[in-house]
Amino acid sequence: MPGHLIRRLQQIAVSIWLDETADCDVRPVQFAAMAAIRAFPGNDQMDLSRIIGFDRSTIQDVVIRLEKRGFIERRTDPSDKRRRILFITDAGNAMMDRMDVPNLAAQGRILEPLTDEEREVFMALLTRLVQVNNRFSRAPFQAQNEAAE
């Protein structure tokens, strides 16, 4: 069944990623959050949850952990004192830079069994499945421009 195979592939992908990035002590969702904060500074937690497609309670825990480690900081939004906006710190940027090579190595290992042509087809089909079925997710992904609206 496709659902079972997708779940198994996700477990395998996480195992490979954790193996490659073991020296960094960063979880996949933390990496995704830092990458999004780095790419789109000044968003709040709700925006972040939509940008990377994670539920709000998970994102809250992730943000707290990343802030405690000094990788991100929350600041009061100057235009709305009730809103806390997120920024990556120098330490967070350094960690993301450090993770570039192992992250790419993990992606390569995940796709290693496929030929170049199969990788292209697989990625195109996987992208289509995620995009078309996004609306069924409990934490749907929204592009940055949609999240800001």
N, C-alpha and C. Protein backbone atom coordinates (compact mmCIF):
# COMPACT_ATOMS: atom_id res chain seq x y z
N MET A 1 0.84 -1.19 0.00
CA MET A 1 0.00 0.00 0.00
C MET A 1 0.88 1.25 0.00
N PRO A 2 0.49 2.27 -0.75
CA PRO A 2 1.33 3.46 -0.84
C PRO A 2 1.56 4.16 0.50
N GLY A 3 0.53 4.25 1.33
CA GLY A 3 0.70 4.91 2.63
C GLY A 3 1.76 4.24 3.48
N HIS A 4 1.74 2.92 3.51
CA HIS A 4 2.73 2.17 4.28
C HIS A 4 4.13 2.41 3.72
N LEU A 5 4.28 2.36 2.41
CA LEU A 5 5.60 2.56 1.81
C LEU A 5 6.11 3.98 2.03
N ILE A 6 5.22 4.95 1.96
CA ILE A 6 5.61 6.34 2.20
C ILE A 6 6.06 6.51 3.65
N ARG A 7 5.32 5.91 4.59
CA ARG A 7 5.71 5.98 6.01
C ARG A 7 7.07 5.32 6.22
N ARG A 8 7.28 4.16 5.61
CA ARG A 8 8.56 3.46 5.75
C ARG A 8 9.69 4.28 5.14
N LEU A 9 9.45 4.86 3.97
CA LEU A 9 10.49 5.68 3.34
C LEU A 9 10.81 6.89 4.22
N GLN A 10 9.80 7.47 4.84
CA GLN A 10 10.04 8.60 5.73
C GLN A 10 10.90 8.16 6.93
N GLN A 11 10.62 7.00 7.50
CA GLN A 11 11.42 6.48 8.61
C GLN A 11 12.87 6.26 8.16
N ILE A 12 13.03 5.69 6.99
CA ILE A 12 14.37 5.44 6.45
C ILE A 12 15.09 6.76 6.19
N ALA A 13 14.38 7.71 5.59
CA ALA A 13 14.98 9.01 5.29
C ALA A 13 15.44 9.71 6.57
N VAL A 14 14.63 9.67 7.61
CA VAL A 14 15.01 10.29 8.89
C VAL A 14 16.23 9.58 9.47
N SER A 15 16.26 8.26 9.41
CA SER A 15 17.42 7.50 9.92
C SER A 15 18.70 7.89 9.19
N ILE A 16 18.62 7.96 7.88
CA ILE A 16 19.79 8.36 7.08
C ILE A 16 20.21 9.77 7.44
N TRP A 17 19.24 10.67 7.53
CA TRP A 17 19.54 12.08 7.83
C TRP A 17 20.19 12.20 9.21
N LEU A 18 19.64 11.50 10.20
CA LEU A 18 20.21 11.56 11.55
C LEU A 18 21.62 10.96 11.57
N ASP A 19 21.85 9.93 10.78
CA ASP A 19 23.18 9.32 10.69
C ASP A 19 24.18 10.33 10.12
N GLU A 20 23.81 10.99 9.05
CA GLU A 20 24.71 11.95 8.39
C GLU A 20 24.95 13.20 9.24
N THR A 21 23.95 13.61 10.00
CA THR A 21 24.05 14.87 10.76
C THR A 21 24.29 14.63 12.26
N ALA A 22 24.69 13.43 12.63
CA ALA A 22 24.82 13.06 14.05
C ALA A 22 25.69 14.03 14.85
N ASP A 23 26.75 14.56 14.25
CA ASP A 23 27.66 15.46 14.96
C ASP A 23 27.02 16.81 15.28
N CYS A 24 25.89 17.09 14.66
CA CYS A 24 25.26 18.41 14.84
C CYS A 24 24.20 18.44 15.93
N ASP A 25 23.66 17.29 16.32
CA ASP A 25 22.63 17.20 17.36
C ASP A 25 21.45 18.12 17.08
N VAL A 26 20.94 18.05 15.85
CA VAL A 26 19.77 18.82 15.42
C VAL A 26 18.77 17.83 14.82
N ARG A 27 17.52 17.94 15.21
CA ARG A 27 16.46 17.07 14.68
C ARG A 27 15.96 17.62 13.35
N PRO A 28 15.37 16.77 12.52
CA PRO A 28 14.89 17.23 11.21
C PRO A 28 13.93 18.41 11.27
N VAL A 29 12.97 18.40 12.20
CA VAL A 29 12.04 19.52 12.28
C VAL A 29 12.74 20.80 12.74
N GLN A 30 13.77 20.66 13.59
CA GLN A 30 14.55 21.84 14.00
C GLN A 30 15.30 22.42 12.81
N PHE A 31 15.86 21.52 11.99
CA PHE A 31 16.57 21.95 10.79
C PHE A 31 15.61 22.68 9.85
N ALA A 32 14.42 22.11 9.65
CA ALA A 32 13.42 22.73 8.77
C ALA A 32 13.02 24.10 9.29
N ALA A 33 12.83 24.20 10.60
CA ALA A 33 12.44 25.48 11.20
C ALA A 33 13.55 26.52 11.03
N MET A 34 14.79 26.13 11.31
CA MET A 34 15.90 27.09 11.15
C MET A 34 16.05 27.52 9.69
N ALA A 35 15.88 26.58 8.77
CA ALA A 35 16.00 26.91 7.35
C ALA A 35 14.92 27.92 6.95
N ALA A 36 13.70 27.72 7.44
CA ALA A 36 12.61 28.65 7.11
C ALA A 36 12.81 30.01 7.77
N ILE A 37 13.27 30.01 9.02
CA ILE A 37 13.51 31.28 9.71
C ILE A 37 14.65 32.03 9.02
N ARG A 38 15.64 31.29 8.59
CA ARG A 38 16.78 31.90 7.88
C ARG A 38 16.32 32.49 6.54
N ALA A 39 15.47 31.76 5.84
CA ALA A 39 15.00 32.21 4.52
C ALA A 39 13.98 33.33 4.63
N PHE A 40 13.16 33.29 5.70
CA PHE A 40 12.07 34.26 5.84
C PHE A 40 12.08 34.85 7.25
N PRO A 41 13.08 35.68 7.57
CA PRO A 41 13.16 36.24 8.92
C PRO A 41 11.99 37.19 9.19
N GLY A 42 11.61 37.23 10.47
CA GLY A 42 10.57 38.18 10.88
C GLY A 42 9.17 37.62 10.86
N ASN A 43 9.01 36.32 10.64
CA ASN A 43 7.69 35.70 10.74
C ASN A 43 7.47 35.24 12.18
N ASP A 44 6.21 35.00 12.52
CA ASP A 44 5.93 34.47 13.86
C ASP A 44 5.75 32.95 13.79
N GLN A 45 5.46 32.34 14.94
CA GLN A 45 5.34 30.88 15.01
C GLN A 45 4.22 30.34 14.13
N MET A 46 3.11 31.05 14.05
CA MET A 46 2.00 30.58 13.21
C MET A 46 2.41 30.58 11.74
N ASP A 47 3.11 31.65 11.32
CA ASP A 47 3.61 31.69 9.95
C ASP A 47 4.57 30.53 9.71
N LEU A 48 5.48 30.31 10.67
CA LEU A 48 6.45 29.23 10.55
C LEU A 48 5.77 27.88 10.40
N SER A 49 4.74 27.63 11.20
CA SER A 49 4.05 26.34 11.12
C SER A 49 3.43 26.13 9.75
N ARG A 50 2.93 27.19 9.13
CA ARG A 50 2.35 27.07 7.78
C ARG A 50 3.43 26.94 6.71
N ILE A 51 4.54 27.64 6.89
CA ILE A 51 5.61 27.61 5.89
C ILE A 51 6.22 26.22 5.77
N ILE A 52 6.40 25.53 6.91
CA ILE A 52 7.04 24.21 6.83
C ILE A 52 6.05 23.06 7.01
N GLY A 53 4.77 23.37 7.24
CA GLY A 53 3.75 22.33 7.31
C GLY A 53 3.82 21.48 8.57
N PHE A 54 4.03 22.13 9.73
CA PHE A 54 4.01 21.42 11.01
C PHE A 54 2.93 22.04 11.88
N ASP A 55 2.34 21.22 12.77
CA ASP A 55 1.29 21.74 13.63
C ASP A 55 1.87 22.75 14.63
N ARG A 56 0.98 23.62 15.11
CA ARG A 56 1.40 24.73 15.98
C ARG A 56 2.02 24.27 17.29
N SER A 57 1.50 23.20 17.89
CA SER A 57 2.07 22.76 19.17
C SER A 57 3.48 22.22 19.00
N THR A 58 3.73 21.51 17.89
CA THR A 58 5.09 21.03 17.61
C THR A 58 6.02 22.21 17.40
N ILE A 59 5.58 23.19 16.64
CA ILE A 59 6.43 24.35 16.35
C ILE A 59 6.76 25.10 17.63
N GLN A 60 5.81 25.22 18.53
CA GLN A 60 6.08 25.92 19.79
C GLN A 60 7.23 25.25 20.54
N ASP A 61 7.19 23.94 20.66
CA ASP A 61 8.27 23.21 21.33
C ASP A 61 9.59 23.37 20.59
N VAL A 62 9.55 23.31 19.28
CA VAL A 62 10.77 23.45 18.46
C VAL A 62 11.37 24.84 18.67
N VAL A 63 10.55 25.86 18.63
CA VAL A 63 11.03 27.24 18.80
C VAL A 63 11.66 27.41 20.18
N ILE A 64 11.03 26.87 21.20
CA ILE A 64 11.59 26.97 22.56
C ILE A 64 12.97 26.30 22.61
N ARG A 65 13.08 25.09 22.07
CA ARG A 65 14.36 24.37 22.09
C ARG A 65 15.44 25.13 21.31
N LEU A 66 15.08 25.63 20.13
CA LEU A 66 16.06 26.36 19.31
C LEU A 66 16.50 27.66 19.99
N GLU A 67 15.57 28.31 20.66
CA GLU A 67 15.90 29.54 21.37
C GLU A 67 16.83 29.23 22.56
N LYS A 68 16.54 28.16 23.30
CA LYS A 68 17.40 27.77 24.43
C LYS A 68 18.82 27.45 23.98
N ARG A 69 18.95 26.89 22.78
CA ARG A 69 20.28 26.55 22.26
C ARG A 69 20.98 27.76 21.62
N GLY A 70 20.27 28.88 21.53
CA GLY A 70 20.86 30.10 20.99
C GLY A 70 20.86 30.15 19.47
N PHE A 71 20.09 29.29 18.81
CA PHE A 71 20.06 29.25 17.35
C PHE A 71 19.08 30.24 16.74
N ILE A 72 18.06 30.60 17.50
CA ILE A 72 17.09 31.60 17.03
C ILE A 72 16.78 32.53 18.18
N GLU A 73 16.17 33.65 17.84
CA GLU A 73 15.68 34.56 18.88
C GLU A 73 14.29 35.04 18.50
N ARG A 74 13.50 35.28 19.56
CA ARG A 74 12.16 35.85 19.38
C ARG A 74 12.23 37.30 19.83
N ARG A 75 11.70 38.16 18.98
CA ARG A 75 11.67 39.59 19.30
C ARG A 75 10.23 40.08 19.24
N THR A 76 9.95 41.12 20.00
CA THR A 76 8.64 41.75 19.93
C THR A 76 8.53 42.49 18.60
N ASP A 77 7.42 42.26 17.93
CA ASP A 77 7.15 42.94 16.65
C ASP A 77 6.91 44.42 16.93
N PRO A 78 7.69 45.31 16.32
CA PRO A 78 7.52 46.74 16.60
C PRO A 78 6.13 47.27 16.23
N SER A 79 5.46 46.61 15.25
CA SER A 79 4.14 47.09 14.83
C SER A 79 2.99 46.42 15.60
N ASP A 80 3.29 45.38 16.37
CA ASP A 80 2.27 44.68 17.16
C ASP A 80 2.96 44.08 18.39
N LYS A 81 2.87 44.76 19.50
CA LYS A 81 3.60 44.36 20.71
C LYS A 81 3.21 42.98 21.24
N ARG A 82 2.06 42.44 20.80
CA ARG A 82 1.62 41.11 21.25
C ARG A 82 2.28 40.00 20.43
N ARG A 83 2.84 40.33 19.31
CA ARG A 83 3.39 39.33 18.38
C ARG A 83 4.89 39.20 18.57
N ARG A 84 5.37 37.94 18.60
CA ARG A 84 6.81 37.65 18.70
C ARG A 84 7.28 37.14 17.34
N ILE A 85 8.28 37.79 16.78
CA ILE A 85 8.80 37.39 15.48
C ILE A 85 10.15 36.71 15.63
N LEU A 86 10.46 35.84 14.68
CA LEU A 86 11.59 34.93 14.78
C LEU A 86 12.73 35.33 13.85
N PHE A 87 13.94 35.20 14.38
CA PHE A 87 15.16 35.49 13.62
C PHE A 87 16.21 34.45 13.95
N ILE A 88 17.00 34.09 12.98
CA ILE A 88 18.11 33.17 13.22
C ILE A 88 19.28 33.98 13.78
N THR A 89 20.03 33.40 14.68
CA THR A 89 21.18 34.06 15.29
C THR A 89 22.45 33.69 14.53
N ASP A 90 23.56 34.31 14.92
CA ASP A 90 24.85 33.95 14.32
C ASP A 90 25.16 32.47 14.58
N ALA A 91 24.84 32.00 15.79
CA ALA A 91 25.06 30.58 16.11
C ALA A 91 24.18 29.68 15.25
N GLY A 92 22.95 30.11 15.00
CA GLY A 92 22.05 29.35 14.13
C GLY A 92 22.55 29.31 12.69
N ASN A 93 23.03 30.46 12.21
CA ASN A 93 23.61 30.50 10.85
C ASN A 93 24.83 29.60 10.75
N ALA A 94 25.66 29.62 11.78
CA ALA A 94 26.85 28.77 11.79
C ALA A 94 26.46 27.28 11.76
N MET A 95 25.44 26.92 12.54
CA MET A 95 24.99 25.53 12.54
C MET A 95 24.42 25.14 11.18
N MET A 96 23.64 26.02 10.58
CA MET A 96 23.08 25.71 9.25
C MET A 96 24.20 25.53 8.23
N ASP A 97 25.20 26.40 8.29
CA ASP A 97 26.35 26.26 7.38
C ASP A 97 27.06 24.93 7.62
N ARG A 98 27.24 24.59 8.89
CA ARG A 98 27.90 23.32 9.25
C ARG A 98 27.11 22.11 8.74
N MET A 99 25.80 22.25 8.66
CA MET A 99 24.95 21.14 8.25
C MET A 99 24.77 21.01 6.74
N ASP A 100 25.25 21.97 5.98
CA ASP A 100 25.08 21.91 4.52
C ASP A 100 25.56 20.60 3.92
N VAL A 101 26.79 20.24 4.19
CA VAL A 101 27.39 19.04 3.59
C VAL A 101 26.69 17.77 4.07
N PRO A 102 26.51 17.55 5.39
CA PRO A 102 25.82 16.33 5.79
C PRO A 102 24.37 16.25 5.33
N ASN A 103 23.69 17.38 5.26
CA ASN A 103 22.31 17.39 4.77
C ASN A 103 22.27 16.94 3.31
N LEU A 104 23.14 17.50 2.50
CA LEU A 104 23.19 17.09 1.09
C LEU A 104 23.61 15.64 0.93
N ALA A 105 24.52 15.18 1.78
CA ALA A 105 24.94 13.78 1.75
C ALA A 105 23.75 12.87 2.05
N ALA A 106 22.94 13.25 3.01
CA ALA A 106 21.76 12.45 3.36
C ALA A 106 20.79 12.38 2.19
N GLN A 107 20.57 13.52 1.53
CA GLN A 107 19.65 13.52 0.38
C GLN A 107 20.18 12.59 -0.72
N GLY A 108 21.49 12.63 -0.93
CA GLY A 108 22.10 11.75 -1.92
C GLY A 108 21.94 10.28 -1.57
N ARG A 109 22.14 9.96 -0.30
CA ARG A 109 21.99 8.55 0.15
C ARG A 109 20.55 8.07 -0.01
N ILE A 110 19.59 8.93 0.27
CA ILE A 110 18.18 8.55 0.15
C ILE A 110 17.86 8.18 -1.30
N LEU A 111 18.38 8.95 -2.24
CA LEU A 111 18.08 8.73 -3.66
C LEU A 111 19.10 7.83 -4.36
N GLU A 112 20.13 7.41 -3.67
CA GLU A 112 21.23 6.64 -4.26
C GLU A 112 20.79 5.41 -5.08
N PRO A 113 19.78 4.66 -4.63
CA PRO A 113 19.41 3.47 -5.41
C PRO A 113 18.82 3.79 -6.79
N LEU A 114 18.46 5.03 -7.04
CA LEU A 114 17.81 5.40 -8.30
C LEU A 114 18.83 5.96 -9.30
N THR A 115 18.55 5.74 -10.57
CA THR A 115 19.35 6.37 -11.62
C THR A 115 19.00 7.86 -11.65
N ASP A 116 19.79 8.65 -12.36
CA ASP A 116 19.50 10.08 -12.48
C ASP A 116 18.10 10.31 -13.05
N GLU A 117 17.75 9.55 -14.07
CA GLU A 117 16.43 9.70 -14.69
C GLU A 117 15.32 9.31 -13.70
N GLU A 118 15.52 8.22 -12.97
CA GLU A 118 14.53 7.80 -11.98
C GLU A 118 14.39 8.83 -10.86
N ARG A 119 15.48 9.45 -10.48
CA ARG A 119 15.42 10.49 -9.44
C ARG A 119 14.55 11.65 -9.89
N GLU A 120 14.73 12.06 -11.13
CA GLU A 120 13.93 13.16 -11.67
C GLU A 120 12.44 12.81 -11.66
N VAL A 121 12.12 11.62 -12.15
CA VAL A 121 10.73 11.17 -12.20
C VAL A 121 10.17 11.04 -10.78
N PHE A 122 10.92 10.41 -9.89
CA PHE A 122 10.48 10.22 -8.51
C PHE A 122 10.19 11.57 -7.86
N MET A 123 11.11 12.51 -7.98
CA MET A 123 10.93 13.82 -7.35
C MET A 123 9.74 14.57 -7.95
N ALA A 124 9.54 14.46 -9.25
CA ALA A 124 8.40 15.12 -9.88
C ALA A 124 7.09 14.52 -9.38
N LEU A 125 7.02 13.20 -9.30
CA LEU A 125 5.80 12.54 -8.83
C LEU A 125 5.57 12.81 -7.34
N LEU A 126 6.61 12.75 -6.55
CA LEU A 126 6.50 13.03 -5.12
C LEU A 126 6.02 14.46 -4.88
N THR A 127 6.59 15.40 -5.62
CA THR A 127 6.18 16.81 -5.51
C THR A 127 4.71 16.97 -5.87
N ARG A 128 4.28 16.33 -6.94
CA ARG A 128 2.87 16.43 -7.35
C ARG A 128 1.95 15.85 -6.28
N LEU A 129 2.29 14.67 -5.74
CA LEU A 129 1.46 14.07 -4.70
C LEU A 129 1.34 14.98 -3.48
N VAL A 130 2.44 15.57 -3.06
CA VAL A 130 2.42 16.46 -1.90
C VAL A 130 1.61 17.71 -2.19
N GLN A 131 1.80 18.31 -3.35
CA GLN A 131 1.08 19.54 -3.68
C GLN A 131 -0.42 19.31 -3.82
N VAL A 132 -0.81 18.27 -4.54
CA VAL A 132 -2.23 18.02 -4.78
C VAL A 132 -2.94 17.59 -3.50
N ASN A 133 -2.27 16.82 -2.66
CA ASN A 133 -2.90 16.32 -1.44
C ASN A 133 -2.67 17.19 -0.22
N ASN A 134 -1.99 18.31 -0.38
CA ASN A 134 -1.67 19.19 0.73
C ASN A 134 -2.91 19.59 1.53
N ARG A 135 -4.00 19.81 0.86
CA ARG A 135 -5.23 20.28 1.54
C ARG A 135 -5.77 19.26 2.54
N PHE A 136 -5.35 18.00 2.44
CA PHE A 136 -5.81 16.97 3.36
C PHE A 136 -4.96 16.86 4.62
N SER A 137 -3.88 17.60 4.67
CA SER A 137 -2.96 17.54 5.80
C SER A 137 -3.57 18.22 7.02
N ARG A 138 -3.21 17.71 8.20
CA ARG A 138 -3.62 18.37 9.44
C ARG A 138 -2.81 19.64 9.68
N ALA A 139 -1.69 19.76 8.99
CA ALA A 139 -0.85 20.96 9.06
C ALA A 139 -0.42 21.29 7.64
N PRO A 140 -1.34 21.86 6.84
CA PRO A 140 -1.02 22.11 5.43
C PRO A 140 0.11 23.12 5.27
N PHE A 141 0.92 22.85 4.28
CA PHE A 141 2.01 23.74 3.90
C PHE A 141 1.41 24.92 3.15
N GLN A 142 1.92 26.12 3.40
CA GLN A 142 1.58 27.29 2.61
C GLN A 142 2.86 27.96 2.19
N ALA A 143 2.90 28.37 0.94
CA ALA A 143 4.06 29.12 0.46
C ALA A 143 4.20 30.39 1.28
N GLN A 144 5.40 30.93 1.35
CA GLN A 144 5.67 32.12 2.16
C GLN A 144 4.69 33.24 1.83
N ASN A 145 4.42 33.50 0.57
CA ASN A 145 3.53 34.61 0.21
C ASN A 145 2.10 34.34 0.68
N GLU A 146 1.66 33.08 0.74
CA GLU A 146 0.34 32.73 1.25
C GLU A 146 0.30 32.86 2.77
N ALA A 147 1.37 32.48 3.45
CA ALA A 147 1.42 32.51 4.91
C ALA A 147 1.34 33.95 5.43
N ALA A 148 1.86 34.88 4.67
CA ALA A 148 1.89 36.27 5.10
C ALA A 148 0.52 36.94 4.98
N GLU A 149 -0.38 36.35 4.21
CA GLU A 149 -1.69 36.96 4.00
C GLU A 149 -2.63 36.76 5.16
